[in-house]
PDB file of N, CA and C in Angstrom:
ATOM      1  N   UNK A   1      10.913 -45.303-203.294  1.00  0.00           N
ATOM      2  CA  UNK A   1      10.999 -44.738-201.951  1.00  0.00           C
ATOM      3  C   UNK A   1      12.053 -45.508-201.155  1.00  0.00           C
ATOM      4  N   UNK A   2      12.960 -44.771-200.548  1.00  0.00           N
ATOM      5  CA  UNK A   2      13.951 -45.402-199.690  1.00  0.00           C
ATOM      6  C   UNK A   2      13.554 -45.169-198.244  1.00  0.00           C
ATOM      7  N   UNK A   3      13.176 -46.228-197.596  1.00  0.00           N
ATOM      8  CA  UNK A   3      12.748 -46.157-196.207  1.00  0.00           C
ATOM      9  C   UNK A   3      13.226 -47.444-195.545  1.00  0.00           C
ATOM     10  N   UNK A   4      13.927 -47.310-194.438  1.00  0.00           N
ATOM     11  CA  UNK A   4      14.487 -48.484-193.762  1.00  0.00           C
ATOM     12  C   UNK A   4      13.431 -49.515-193.407  1.00  0.00           C
ATOM     13  N   UNK A   5      12.169 -49.086-193.283  1.00  0.00           N
ATOM     14  CA  UNK A   5      11.096 -50.005-192.893  1.00  0.00           C
ATOM     15  C   UNK A   5      10.647 -50.926-194.023  1.00  0.00           C
ATOM     16  N   UNK A   6      10.960 -50.568-195.243  1.00  0.00           N
ATOM     17  CA  UNK A   6      10.555 -51.390-196.393  1.00  0.00           C
ATOM     18  C   UNK A   6      11.565 -52.506-196.604  1.00  0.00           C
ATOM     19  N   UNK A   7      11.122 -53.729-196.360  1.00  0.00           N
ATOM     20  CA  UNK A   7      12.005 -54.899-196.434  1.00  0.00           C
ATOM     21  C   UNK A   7      11.347 -56.050-197.195  1.00  0.00           C
ATOM     22  N   UNK A   8      10.602 -55.750-198.251  1.00  0.00           N
ATOM     23  CA  UNK A   8       9.968 -56.798-199.039  1.00  0.00           C
ATOM     24  C   UNK A   8       8.564 -57.180-198.595  1.00  0.00           C
ATOM     25  N   UNK A   9       7.939 -56.369-197.744  1.00  0.00           N
ATOM     26  CA  UNK A   9       6.597 -56.688-197.242  1.00  0.00           C
ATOM     27  C   UNK A   9       5.546 -56.734-198.346  1.00  0.00           C
ATOM     28  N   UNK A  10       5.839 -56.120-199.504  1.00  0.00           N
ATOM     29  CA  UNK A  10       4.846 -56.144-200.586  1.00  0.00           C
ATOM     30  C   UNK A  10       4.538 -57.570-201.033  1.00  0.00           C
ATOM     31  N   UNK A  11       5.438 -58.490-200.798  1.00  0.00           N
ATOM     32  CA  UNK A  11       5.215 -59.894-201.170  1.00  0.00           C
ATOM     33  C   UNK A  11       4.004 -60.493-200.453  1.00  0.00           C
ATOM     34  N   UNK A  12       3.727 -60.030-199.238  1.00  0.00           N
ATOM     35  CA  UNK A  12       2.621 -60.614-198.476  1.00  0.00           C
ATOM     36  C   UNK A  12       1.603 -59.589-197.967  1.00  0.00           C
ATOM     37  N   UNK A  13       1.859 -58.285-198.186  1.00  0.00           N
ATOM     38  CA  UNK A  13       0.918 -57.276-197.681  1.00  0.00           C
ATOM     39  C   UNK A  13       0.328 -56.369-198.758  1.00  0.00           C
ATOM     40  N   UNK A  14       0.783 -56.461-199.985  1.00  0.00           N
ATOM     41  CA  UNK A  14       0.256 -55.592-201.052  1.00  0.00           C
ATOM     42  C   UNK A  14      -1.197 -55.954-201.357  1.00  0.00           C
ATOM     43  N   UNK A  15      -2.093 -54.955-201.232  1.00  0.00           N
ATOM     44  CA  UNK A  15      -3.492 -55.117-201.602  1.00  0.00           C
ATOM     45  C   UNK A  15      -4.350 -55.934-200.653  1.00  0.00           C
ATOM     46  N   UNK A  16      -3.867 -56.237-199.462  1.00  0.00           N
ATOM     47  CA  UNK A  16      -4.644 -57.063-198.533  1.00  0.00           C
ATOM     48  C   UNK A  16      -5.686 -56.229-197.787  1.00  0.00           C
ATOM     49  N   UNK A  17      -6.685 -56.905-197.246  1.00  0.00           N
ATOM     50  CA  UNK A  17      -7.677 -56.274-196.384  1.00  0.00           C
ATOM     51  C   UNK A  17      -7.143 -56.277-194.954  1.00  0.00           C
ATOM     52  N   UNK A  18      -7.320 -55.157-194.270  1.00  0.00           N
ATOM     53  CA  UNK A  18      -6.892 -55.024-192.879  1.00  0.00           C
ATOM     54  C   UNK A  18      -8.095 -54.676-192.015  1.00  0.00           C
ATOM     55  N   UNK A  19      -7.990 -54.995-190.742  1.00  0.00           N
ATOM     56  CA  UNK A  19      -8.986 -54.589-189.766  1.00  0.00           C
ATOM     57  C   UNK A  19      -8.294 -53.751-188.705  1.00  0.00           C
ATOM     58  N   UNK A  20      -8.942 -52.682-188.271  1.00  0.00           N
ATOM     59  CA  UNK A  20      -8.386 -51.900-187.158  1.00  0.00           C
ATOM     60  C   UNK A  20      -8.980 -52.486-185.889  1.00  0.00           C
ATOM     61  N   UNK A  21      -8.112 -52.930-184.993  1.00  0.00           N
ATOM     62  CA  UNK A  21      -8.614 -53.608-183.801  1.00  0.00           C
ATOM     63  C   UNK A  21      -7.636 -53.536-182.642  1.00  0.00           C
ATOM     64  N   UNK A  22      -8.155 -53.894-181.492  1.00  0.00           N
ATOM     65  CA  UNK A  22      -7.359 -53.975-180.281  1.00  0.00           C
ATOM     66  C   UNK A  22      -6.633 -55.308-180.266  1.00  0.00           C
ATOM     67  N   UNK A  23      -5.356 -55.263-179.901  1.00  0.00           N
ATOM     68  CA  UNK A  23      -4.572 -56.495-179.845  1.00  0.00           C
ATOM     69  C   UNK A  23      -5.042 -57.376-178.683  1.00  0.00           C
ATOM     70  N   UNK A  24      -5.238 -58.631-178.991  1.00  0.00           N
ATOM     71  CA  UNK A  24      -5.523 -59.649-177.975  1.00  0.00           C
ATOM     72  C   UNK A  24      -4.653 -60.856-178.281  1.00  0.00           C
ATOM     73  N   UNK A  25      -4.218 -61.524-177.227  1.00  0.00           N
ATOM     74  CA  UNK A  25      -3.388 -62.710-177.438  1.00  0.00           C
ATOM     75  C   UNK A  25      -4.089 -63.662-178.388  1.00  0.00           C
ATOM     76  N   UNK A  26      -3.356 -64.132-179.374  1.00  0.00           N
ATOM     77  CA  UNK A  26      -3.915 -65.045-180.357  1.00  0.00           C
ATOM     78  C   UNK A  26      -3.982 -66.467-179.817  1.00  0.00           C
ATOM     79  N   UNK A  27      -2.941 -66.847-179.100  1.00  0.00           N
ATOM     80  CA  UNK A  27      -2.884 -68.147-178.430  1.00  0.00           C
ATOM     81  C   UNK A  27      -2.195 -67.939-177.090  1.00  0.00           C
ATOM     82  N   UNK A  28      -2.324 -68.903-176.242  1.00  0.00           N
ATOM     83  CA  UNK A  28      -1.709 -68.800-174.908  1.00  0.00           C
ATOM     84  C   UNK A  28      -0.196 -68.574-175.005  1.00  0.00           C
ATOM     85  N   UNK A  29       0.446 -69.222-175.951  1.00  0.00           N
ATOM     86  CA  UNK A  29       1.902 -69.105-176.067  1.00  0.00           C
ATOM     87  C   UNK A  29       2.337 -67.892-176.899  1.00  0.00           C
ATOM     88  N   UNK A  30       1.395 -67.112-177.422  1.00  0.00           N
ATOM     89  CA  UNK A  30       1.698 -65.994-178.305  1.00  0.00           C
ATOM     90  C   UNK A  30       1.220 -64.724-177.629  1.00  0.00           C
ATOM     91  N   UNK A  31       2.075 -64.069-176.858  1.00  0.00           N
ATOM     92  CA  UNK A  31       1.633 -62.940-176.041  1.00  0.00           C
ATOM     93  C   UNK A  31       1.846 -61.570-176.667  1.00  0.00           C
ATOM     94  N   UNK A  32       2.539 -61.512-177.801  1.00  0.00           N
ATOM     95  CA  UNK A  32       2.721 -60.226-178.470  1.00  0.00           C
ATOM     96  C   UNK A  32       3.018 -60.435-179.957  1.00  0.00           C
ATOM     97  N   UNK A  33       2.922 -59.345-180.699  1.00  0.00           N
ATOM     98  CA  UNK A  33       3.271 -59.303-182.120  1.00  0.00           C
ATOM     99  C   UNK A  33       4.036 -58.016-182.349  1.00  0.00           C
ATOM    100  N   UNK A  34       4.565 -57.865-183.554  1.00  0.00           N
ATOM    101  CA  UNK A  34       5.311 -56.665-183.912  1.00  0.00           C
ATOM    102  C   UNK A  34       4.768 -56.070-185.201  1.00  0.00           C
ATOM    103  N   UNK A  35       4.885 -54.763-185.333  1.00  0.00           N
ATOM    104  CA  UNK A  35       4.543 -54.101-186.577  1.00  0.00           C
ATOM    105  C   UNK A  35       5.438 -54.660-187.675  1.00  0.00           C
ATOM    106  N   UNK A  36       4.854 -54.979-188.798  1.00  0.00           N
ATOM    107  CA  UNK A  36       5.602 -55.561-189.912  1.00  0.00           C
ATOM    108  C   UNK A  36       6.600 -54.587-190.528  1.00  0.00           C
ATOM    109  N   UNK A  37       6.524 -53.320-190.162  1.00  0.00           N
ATOM    110  CA  UNK A  37       7.403 -52.318-190.753  1.00  0.00           C
ATOM    111  C   UNK A  37       8.431 -51.770-189.765  1.00  0.00           C
ATOM    112  N   UNK A  38       7.986 -51.245-188.643  1.00  0.00           N
ATOM    113  CA  UNK A  38       8.916 -50.590-187.702  1.00  0.00           C
ATOM    114  C   UNK A  38       9.258 -51.456-186.499  1.00  0.00           C
ATOM    115  N   UNK A  39       8.599 -52.598-186.395  1.00  0.00           N
ATOM    116  CA  UNK A  39       8.836 -53.569-185.327  1.00  0.00           C
ATOM    117  C   UNK A  39       8.318 -53.116-183.962  1.00  0.00           C
ATOM    118  N   UNK A  40       7.417 -52.118-183.929  1.00  0.00           N
ATOM    119  CA  UNK A  40       6.778 -51.729-182.663  1.00  0.00           C
ATOM    120  C   UNK A  40       6.062 -52.953-182.099  1.00  0.00           C
ATOM    121  N   UNK A  41       6.128 -53.106-180.796  1.00  0.00           N
ATOM    122  CA  UNK A  41       5.543 -54.280-180.134  1.00  0.00           C
ATOM    123  C   UNK A  41       4.083 -54.029-179.789  1.00  0.00           C
ATOM    124  N   UNK A  42       3.206 -54.940-180.195  1.00  0.00           N
ATOM    125  CA  UNK A  42       1.798 -54.933-179.807  1.00  0.00           C
ATOM    126  C   UNK A  42       1.610 -55.964-178.708  1.00  0.00           C
ATOM    127  N   UNK A  43       0.897 -55.591-177.659  1.00  0.00           N
ATOM    128  CA  UNK A  43       0.570 -56.552-176.604  1.00  0.00           C
ATOM    129  C   UNK A  43      -0.646 -56.033-175.843  1.00  0.00           C
ATOM    130  N   UNK A  44      -1.078 -56.799-174.871  1.00  0.00           N
ATOM    131  CA  UNK A  44      -2.174 -56.373-174.011  1.00  0.00           C
ATOM    132  C   UNK A  44      -1.694 -55.464-172.892  1.00  0.00           C
ATOM    133  N   UNK A  45      -0.394 -55.288-172.759  1.00  0.00           N
ATOM    134  CA  UNK A  45       0.189 -54.453-171.719  1.00  0.00           C
ATOM    135  C   UNK A  45      -0.076 -52.972-171.998  1.00  0.00           C
ATOM    136  N   UNK A  46      -0.283 -52.207-170.951  1.00  0.00           N
ATOM    137  CA  UNK A  46      -0.503 -50.761-171.101  1.00  0.00           C
ATOM    138  C   UNK A  46       0.734 -50.044-171.621  1.00  0.00           C
ATOM    139  N   UNK A  47       1.899 -50.620-171.431  1.00  0.00           N
ATOM    140  CA  UNK A  47       3.143 -49.984-171.873  1.00  0.00           C
ATOM    141  C   UNK A  47       3.346 -50.079-173.384  1.00  0.00           C
ATOM    142  N   UNK A  48       2.655 -50.980-174.031  1.00  0.00           N
ATOM    143  CA  UNK A  48       2.833 -51.212-175.471  1.00  0.00           C
ATOM    144  C   UNK A  48       1.612 -50.733-176.242  1.00  0.00           C
ATOM    145  N   UNK A  49       1.827 -50.410-177.522  1.00  0.00           N
ATOM    146  CA  UNK A  49       0.653 -50.106-178.353  1.00  0.00           C
ATOM    147  C   UNK A  49      -0.283 -51.311-178.365  1.00  0.00           C
ATOM    148  N   UNK A  50      -1.572 -51.063-178.307  1.00  0.00           N
ATOM    149  CA  UNK A  50      -2.495 -52.199-178.341  1.00  0.00           C
ATOM    150  C   UNK A  50      -3.620 -52.037-179.345  1.00  0.00           C
ATOM    151  N   UNK A  51      -3.592 -50.978-180.154  1.00  0.00           N
ATOM    152  CA  UNK A  51      -4.547 -50.833-181.251  1.00  0.00           C
ATOM    153  C   UNK A  51      -3.748 -50.638-182.527  1.00  0.00           C
ATOM    154  N   UNK A  52      -4.123 -51.374-183.547  1.00  0.00           N
ATOM    155  CA  UNK A  52      -3.435 -51.264-184.824  1.00  0.00           C
ATOM    156  C   UNK A  52      -4.239 -51.921-185.916  1.00  0.00           C
ATOM    157  N   UNK A  53      -3.602 -52.128-187.023  1.00  0.00           N
ATOM    158  CA  UNK A  53      -4.230 -52.750-188.185  1.00  0.00           C
ATOM    159  C   UNK A  53      -3.664 -54.151-188.341  1.00  0.00           C
ATOM    160  N   UNK A  54      -4.546 -55.109-188.530  1.00  0.00           N
ATOM    161  CA  UNK A  54      -4.121 -56.502-188.666  1.00  0.00           C
ATOM    162  C   UNK A  54      -4.748 -57.105-189.919  1.00  0.00           C
ATOM    163  N   UNK A  55      -4.051 -58.077-190.484  1.00  0.00           N
ATOM    164  CA  UNK A  55      -4.661 -58.839-191.561  1.00  0.00           C
ATOM    165  C   UNK A  55      -5.844 -59.592-190.956  1.00  0.00           C
ATOM    166  N   UNK A  56      -6.760 -60.021-191.786  1.00  0.00           N
ATOM    167  CA  UNK A  56      -7.984 -60.634-191.273  1.00  0.00           C
ATOM    168  C   UNK A  56      -7.720 -61.910-190.481  1.00  0.00           C
ATOM    169  N   UNK A  57      -6.577 -62.548-190.717  1.00  0.00           N
ATOM    170  CA  UNK A  57      -6.229 -63.734-189.919  1.00  0.00           C
ATOM    171  C   UNK A  57      -5.443 -63.365-188.654  1.00  0.00           C
ATOM    172  N   UNK A  58      -5.246 -62.055-188.423  1.00  0.00           N
ATOM    173  CA  UNK A  58      -4.533 -61.508-187.260  1.00  0.00           C
ATOM    174  C   UNK A  58      -3.064 -61.939-187.201  1.00  0.00           C
ATOM    175  N   UNK A  59      -2.518 -62.349-188.329  1.00  0.00           N
ATOM    176  CA  UNK A  59      -1.127 -62.818-188.344  1.00  0.00           C
ATOM    177  C   UNK A  59      -0.139 -61.663-188.506  1.00  0.00           C
ATOM    178  N   UNK A  60      -0.473 -60.684-189.327  1.00  0.00           N
ATOM    179  CA  UNK A  60       0.408 -59.541-189.572  1.00  0.00           C
ATOM    180  C   UNK A  60      -0.221 -58.292-188.977  1.00  0.00           C
ATOM    181  N   UNK A  61       0.589 -57.524-188.221  1.00  0.00           N
ATOM    182  CA  UNK A  61       0.120 -56.300-187.567  1.00  0.00           C
ATOM    183  C   UNK A  61       0.889 -55.094-188.089  1.00  0.00           C
ATOM    184  N   UNK A  62       0.196 -53.955-188.155  1.00  0.00           N
ATOM    185  CA  UNK A  62       0.787 -52.707-188.636  1.00  0.00           C
ATOM    186  C   UNK A  62       0.374 -51.594-187.679  1.00  0.00           C
ATOM    187  N   UNK A  63       1.341 -50.822-187.202  1.00  0.00           N
ATOM    188  CA  UNK A  63       1.026 -49.723-186.280  1.00  0.00           C
ATOM    189  C   UNK A  63       0.378 -48.570-187.045  1.00  0.00           C
ATOM    190  N   UNK A  64      -0.225 -47.666-186.315  1.00  0.00           N
ATOM    191  CA  UNK A  64      -0.930 -46.521-186.912  1.00  0.00           C
ATOM    192  C   UNK A  64       0.002 -45.686-187.801  1.00  0.00           C
ATOM    193  N   UNK A  65       1.212 -45.383-187.313  1.00  0.00           N
ATOM    194  CA  UNK A  65       2.139 -44.554-188.096  1.00  0.00           C
ATOM    195  C   UNK A  65       2.519 -45.216-189.414  1.00  0.00           C
ATOM    196  N   UNK A  66       2.849 -46.498-189.366  1.00  0.00           N
ATOM    197  CA  UNK A  66       3.231 -47.195-190.593  1.00  0.00           C
ATOM    198  C   UNK A  66       2.042 -47.362-191.524  1.00  0.00           C
ATOM    199  N   UNK A  67       0.863 -47.567-190.955  1.00  0.00           N
ATOM    200  CA  UNK A  67      -0.340 -47.638-191.783  1.00  0.00           C
ATOM    201  C   UNK A  67      -0.497 -46.332-192.569  1.00  0.00           C
ATOM    202  N   UNK A  68      -0.406 -45.205-191.879  1.00  0.00           N
ATOM    203  CA  UNK A  68      -0.559 -43.908-192.544  1.00  0.00           C
ATOM    204  C   UNK A  68       0.522 -43.693-193.607  1.00  0.00           C
ATOM    205  N   UNK A  69       1.740 -44.094-193.301  1.00  0.00           N
ATOM    206  CA  UNK A  69       2.852 -43.889-194.232  1.00  0.00           C
ATOM    207  C   UNK A  69       2.749 -44.751-195.487  1.00  0.00           C
ATOM    208  N   UNK A  70       2.197 -45.951-195.377  1.00  0.00           N
ATOM    209  CA  UNK A  70       2.250 -46.898-196.487  1.00  0.00           C
ATOM    210  C   UNK A  70       0.893 -47.307-197.065  1.00  0.00           C
ATOM    211  N   UNK A  71      -0.211 -46.749-196.577  1.00  0.00           N
ATOM    212  CA  UNK A  71      -1.535 -47.196-197.018  1.00  0.00           C
ATOM    213  C   UNK A  71      -1.737 -47.023-198.525  1.00  0.00           C
ATOM    214  N   UNK A  72      -1.265 -45.948-199.094  1.00  0.00           N
ATOM    215  CA  UNK A  72      -1.433 -45.746-200.534  1.00  0.00           C
ATOM    216  C   UNK A  72      -0.507 -46.658-201.336  1.00  0.00           C
ATOM    217  N   UNK A  73       0.723 -46.759-200.915  1.00  0.00           N
ATOM    218  CA  UNK A  73       1.694 -47.595-201.616  1.00  0.00           C
ATOM    219  C   UNK A  73       1.259 -49.064-201.640  1.00  0.00           C
ATOM    220  N   UNK A  74       0.693 -49.532-200.535  1.00  0.00           N
ATOM    221  CA  UNK A  74       0.312 -50.936-200.426  1.00  0.00           C
ATOM    222  C   UNK A  74      -1.149 -51.202-200.808  1.00  0.00           C
ATOM    223  N   UNK A  75      -1.903 -50.143-201.070  1.00  0.00           N
ATOM    224  CA  UNK A  75      -3.291 -50.253-201.539  1.00  0.00           C
ATOM    225  C   UNK A  75      -4.160 -51.113-200.613  1.00  0.00           C
ATOM    226  N   UNK A  76      -4.090 -50.818-199.324  1.00  0.00           N
ATOM    227  CA  UNK A  76      -4.880 -51.572-198.346  1.00  0.00           C
ATOM    228  C   UNK A  76      -6.327 -51.115-198.344  1.00  0.00           C
ATOM    229  N   UNK A  77      -7.210 -52.037-197.985  1.00  0.00           N
ATOM    230  CA  UNK A  77      -8.591 -51.697-197.685  1.00  0.00           C
ATOM    231  C   UNK A  77      -8.826 -52.073-196.231  1.00  0.00           C
ATOM    232  N   UNK A  78      -9.633 -51.271-195.547  1.00  0.00           N
ATOM    233  CA  UNK A  78      -9.941 -51.542-194.144  1.00  0.00           C
ATOM    234  C   UNK A  78     -11.370 -52.075-194.084  1.00  0.00           C
ATOM    235  N   UNK A  79     -11.518 -53.240-193.469  1.00  0.00           N
ATOM    236  CA  UNK A  79     -12.816 -53.892-193.338  1.00  0.00           C
ATOM    237  C   UNK A  79     -13.134 -54.064-191.852  1.00  0.00           C
ATOM    238  N   UNK A  80     -14.396 -54.304-191.547  1.00  0.00           N
ATOM    239  CA  UNK A  80     -14.802 -54.538-190.160  1.00  0.00           C
ATOM    240  C   UNK A  80     -14.188 -55.835-189.644  1.00  0.00           C
ATOM    241  N   UNK A  81     -13.711 -55.791-188.413  1.00  0.00           N
ATOM    242  CA  UNK A  81     -13.244 -57.011-187.748  1.00  0.00           C
ATOM    243  C   UNK A  81     -14.469 -57.767-187.263  1.00  0.00           C
ATOM    244  N   UNK A  82     -14.448 -59.071-187.309  1.00  0.00           N
ATOM    245  CA  UNK A  82     -15.594 -59.831-186.802  1.00  0.00           C
ATOM    246  C   UNK A  82     -15.916 -59.438-185.360  1.00  0.00           C
ATOM    247  N   UNK A  83     -17.153 -59.041-185.113  1.00  0.00           N
ATOM    248  CA  UNK A  83     -17.578 -58.708-183.758  1.00  0.00           C
ATOM    249  C   UNK A  83     -17.183 -57.348-183.260  1.00  0.00           C
ATOM    250  N   UNK A  84     -16.556 -56.510-184.097  1.00  0.00           N
ATOM    251  CA  UNK A  84     -16.143 -55.179-183.673  1.00  0.00           C
ATOM    252  C   UNK A  84     -16.569 -54.152-184.696  1.00  0.00           C
ATOM    253  N   UNK A  85     -16.774 -52.927-184.236  1.00  0.00           N
ATOM    254  CA  UNK A  85     -16.978 -51.811-185.151  1.00  0.00           C
ATOM    255  C   UNK A  85     -15.607 -51.235-185.437  1.00  0.00           C
ATOM    256  N   UNK A  86     -15.346 -50.700-186.618  1.00  0.00           N
ATOM    257  CA  UNK A  86     -14.031 -50.144-186.941  1.00  0.00           C
ATOM    258  C   UNK A  86     -13.577 -49.119-185.922  1.00  0.00           C
ATOM    259  N   UNK A  87     -12.343 -49.259-185.487  1.00  0.00           N
ATOM    260  CA  UNK A  87     -11.749 -48.283-184.583  1.00  0.00           C
ATOM    261  C   UNK A  87     -12.165 -48.388-183.133  1.00  0.00           C
ATOM    262  N   UNK A  88     -13.003 -49.363-182.773  1.00  0.00           N
ATOM    263  CA  UNK A  88     -13.454 -49.453-181.392  1.00  0.00           C
ATOM    264  C   UNK A  88     -12.643 -50.417-180.571  1.00  0.00           C
ATOM    265  N   UNK A  89     -12.024 -51.393-181.239  1.00  0.00           N
ATOM    266  CA  UNK A  89     -11.182 -52.360-180.542  1.00  0.00           C
ATOM    267  C   UNK A  89     -11.858 -53.129-179.541  1.00  0.00           C
TER     268      UNK A  89
END
């Protein structure tokens, strides 16, 4: 598949568990993240997407569109986020 968004992410995202959750600042100095594929910005701001899929350590984020486009290729599983029900954020 030739897609500009594919830049070697399989090295760290192939087969990982993801949680669907609302973005919250991870640390005081870390106010936003980006989708690992299309670089969409996640933040707590209303202007930015704030629900997406994250690795269980919340280090890597994936927007809804990229999740749908690559879920089969990357063989992701979606698990409950600690303290949240899936999709409730």
